[in-house]
Amino acid sequence: MDRHWGWFAGIFAVLAILGVVGAMLSLLPLAMATDGCHGDDDSGVCGLSAAGQNALVLIPWIALGVGSIVTIVGAAVAARAHRSPLIGLLVGVVAYVVVIPLAYRIAFLL
């Protein structure tokens, strides 16, 4: 079981680094997404409020945080159930992917 935790830590570290790099690289495009909006244009991201625009920029960071927490909790629960902690990686990636469209939709409700 210790070998599984070693693999978990290594894979989680790589995924976390990729997540941070991806979130940093997406900051500028997401922040500039509404620059092309003018006047009464309310289609797509042009319909976002100021709070929605701020939420749009935070989506990658929110997804990274939720994915990381779910990964760690999932690994702990799996280990407690005498399963491999690597299951937590799968659950965390699924949580990361699910949070993105949810947060995007919430940004339009703000």
Protein backbone atom coordinates (compact mmCIF):
# COMPACT_ATOMS: atom_id res chain seq x y z
CA MET A 1 0.00 0.00 0.00
CA ASP A 2 2.95 2.36 0.60
CA ARG A 3 3.95 2.07 -3.04
CA HIS A 4 0.46 3.23 -4.00
CA TRP A 5 0.85 6.34 -1.85
CA GLY A 6 4.18 7.06 -3.54
CA TRP A 7 2.56 6.82 -6.98
CA PHE A 8 -0.35 8.92 -5.73
CA ALA A 9 1.97 11.67 -4.47
CA GLY A 10 3.99 11.71 -7.69
CA ILE A 11 1.01 11.76 -10.04
CA PHE A 12 -0.84 14.29 -7.88
CA ALA A 13 2.21 16.59 -7.89
CA VAL A 14 2.45 16.43 -11.69
CA LEU A 15 -1.28 17.08 -12.11
CA ALA A 16 -1.16 19.96 -9.62
CA ILE A 17 1.75 21.58 -11.47
CA LEU A 18 -0.08 21.18 -14.79
CA GLY A 19 -3.20 22.68 -13.20
CA VAL A 20 -1.34 25.71 -11.87
CA VAL A 21 0.40 26.29 -15.22
CA GLY A 22 -2.92 25.92 -17.06
CA ALA A 23 -4.67 28.30 -14.69
CA MET A 24 -1.90 30.88 -15.04
CA LEU A 25 -1.91 30.62 -18.83
CA SER A 26 -5.69 31.05 -18.97
CA LEU A 27 -5.72 34.21 -16.82
CA LEU A 28 -5.07 36.67 -19.64
CA PRO A 29 -7.48 35.16 -22.21
CA LEU A 30 -10.25 34.94 -19.63
CA ALA A 31 -9.59 38.45 -18.34
CA MET A 32 -9.66 39.85 -21.89
CA ALA A 33 -12.71 37.83 -23.00
CA THR A 34 -15.05 40.82 -22.74
CA ASP A 35 -12.77 43.39 -24.39
CA GLY A 36 -14.52 42.97 -27.72
CA CYS A 37 -17.91 43.82 -26.20
CA HIS A 38 -19.36 47.20 -27.11
CA GLY A 39 -22.57 49.05 -26.30
CA ASP A 40 -25.66 46.88 -26.12
CA ASP A 41 -23.89 43.65 -27.12
CA ASP A 42 -25.10 41.02 -24.68
CA SER A 43 -24.30 37.77 -26.49
CA GLY A 44 -22.05 35.20 -24.82
CA VAL A 45 -19.56 36.62 -22.36
CA CYS A 46 -20.67 40.15 -23.22
CA GLY A 47 -23.75 39.50 -21.09
CA LEU A 48 -21.69 39.00 -17.94
CA SER A 49 -21.93 41.43 -15.06
CA ALA A 50 -18.76 42.74 -13.41
CA ALA A 51 -19.05 40.00 -10.76
CA GLY A 52 -19.56 37.44 -13.52
CA GLN A 53 -16.41 38.64 -15.29
CA ASN A 54 -14.45 38.24 -12.06
CA ALA A 55 -15.89 34.76 -11.60
CA LEU A 56 -14.91 33.87 -15.17
CA VAL A 57 -11.26 34.62 -14.39
CA LEU A 58 -11.43 32.51 -11.22
CA ILE A 59 -12.91 29.38 -12.87
CA PRO A 60 -9.56 27.60 -13.45
CA TRP A 61 -8.46 28.31 -9.87
CA ILE A 62 -11.78 27.15 -8.44
CA ALA A 63 -11.61 23.96 -10.50
CA LEU A 64 -8.02 23.36 -9.39
CA GLY A 65 -8.92 23.85 -5.73
CA VAL A 66 -11.99 21.63 -5.85
CA GLY A 67 -10.14 18.97 -7.84
CA SER A 68 -7.24 18.96 -5.38
CA ILE A 69 -9.46 18.72 -2.31
CA VAL A 70 -11.61 15.98 -3.84
CA THR A 71 -8.46 14.08 -4.86
CA ILE A 72 -7.02 14.11 -1.36
CA VAL A 73 -10.32 13.28 0.32
CA GLY A 74 -11.04 10.57 -2.26
CA ALA A 75 -7.63 8.99 -1.66
CA ALA A 76 -8.14 9.05 2.10
CA VAL A 77 -11.60 7.49 1.81
CA ALA A 78 -10.30 4.83 -0.58
CA ALA A 79 -7.40 3.98 1.75
CA ARG A 80 -9.80 3.80 4.67
CA ALA A 81 -11.90 1.32 2.66
CA HIS A 82 -8.73 -0.73 2.01
CA ARG A 83 -8.57 0.30 -1.65
CA SER A 84 -5.81 1.99 -3.59
CA PRO A 85 -5.49 5.74 -2.99
CA LEU A 86 -5.02 6.11 -6.75
CA ILE A 87 -8.81 6.06 -7.00
CA GLY A 88 -8.72 9.56 -5.53
CA LEU A 89 -6.90 10.79 -8.65
CA LEU A 90 -9.72 9.64 -10.89
CA VAL A 91 -12.36 11.16 -8.64
CA GLY A 92 -10.42 14.44 -8.47
CA VAL A 93 -10.05 14.71 -12.24
CA VAL A 94 -13.78 14.07 -12.66
CA ALA A 95 -14.52 16.79 -10.07
CA TYR A 96 -12.18 19.20 -11.87
CA VAL A 97 -13.93 18.60 -15.20
CA VAL A 98 -17.43 18.88 -13.68
CA VAL A 99 -16.69 22.15 -11.85
CA ILE A 100 -15.71 24.06 -15.00
CA PRO A 101 -19.15 24.13 -16.70
CA LEU A 102 -20.89 24.62 -13.35
CA ALA A 103 -18.73 27.63 -12.47
CA TYR A 104 -19.19 29.00 -16.00
CA ARG A 105 -22.96 28.82 -15.60
CA ILE A 106 -22.78 30.41 -12.14
CA ALA A 107 -20.76 33.29 -13.62
CA PHE A 108 -23.75 34.16 -15.81
CA LEU A 109 -26.07 34.13 -12.79
CA LEU A 110 -24.01 36.68 -10.86
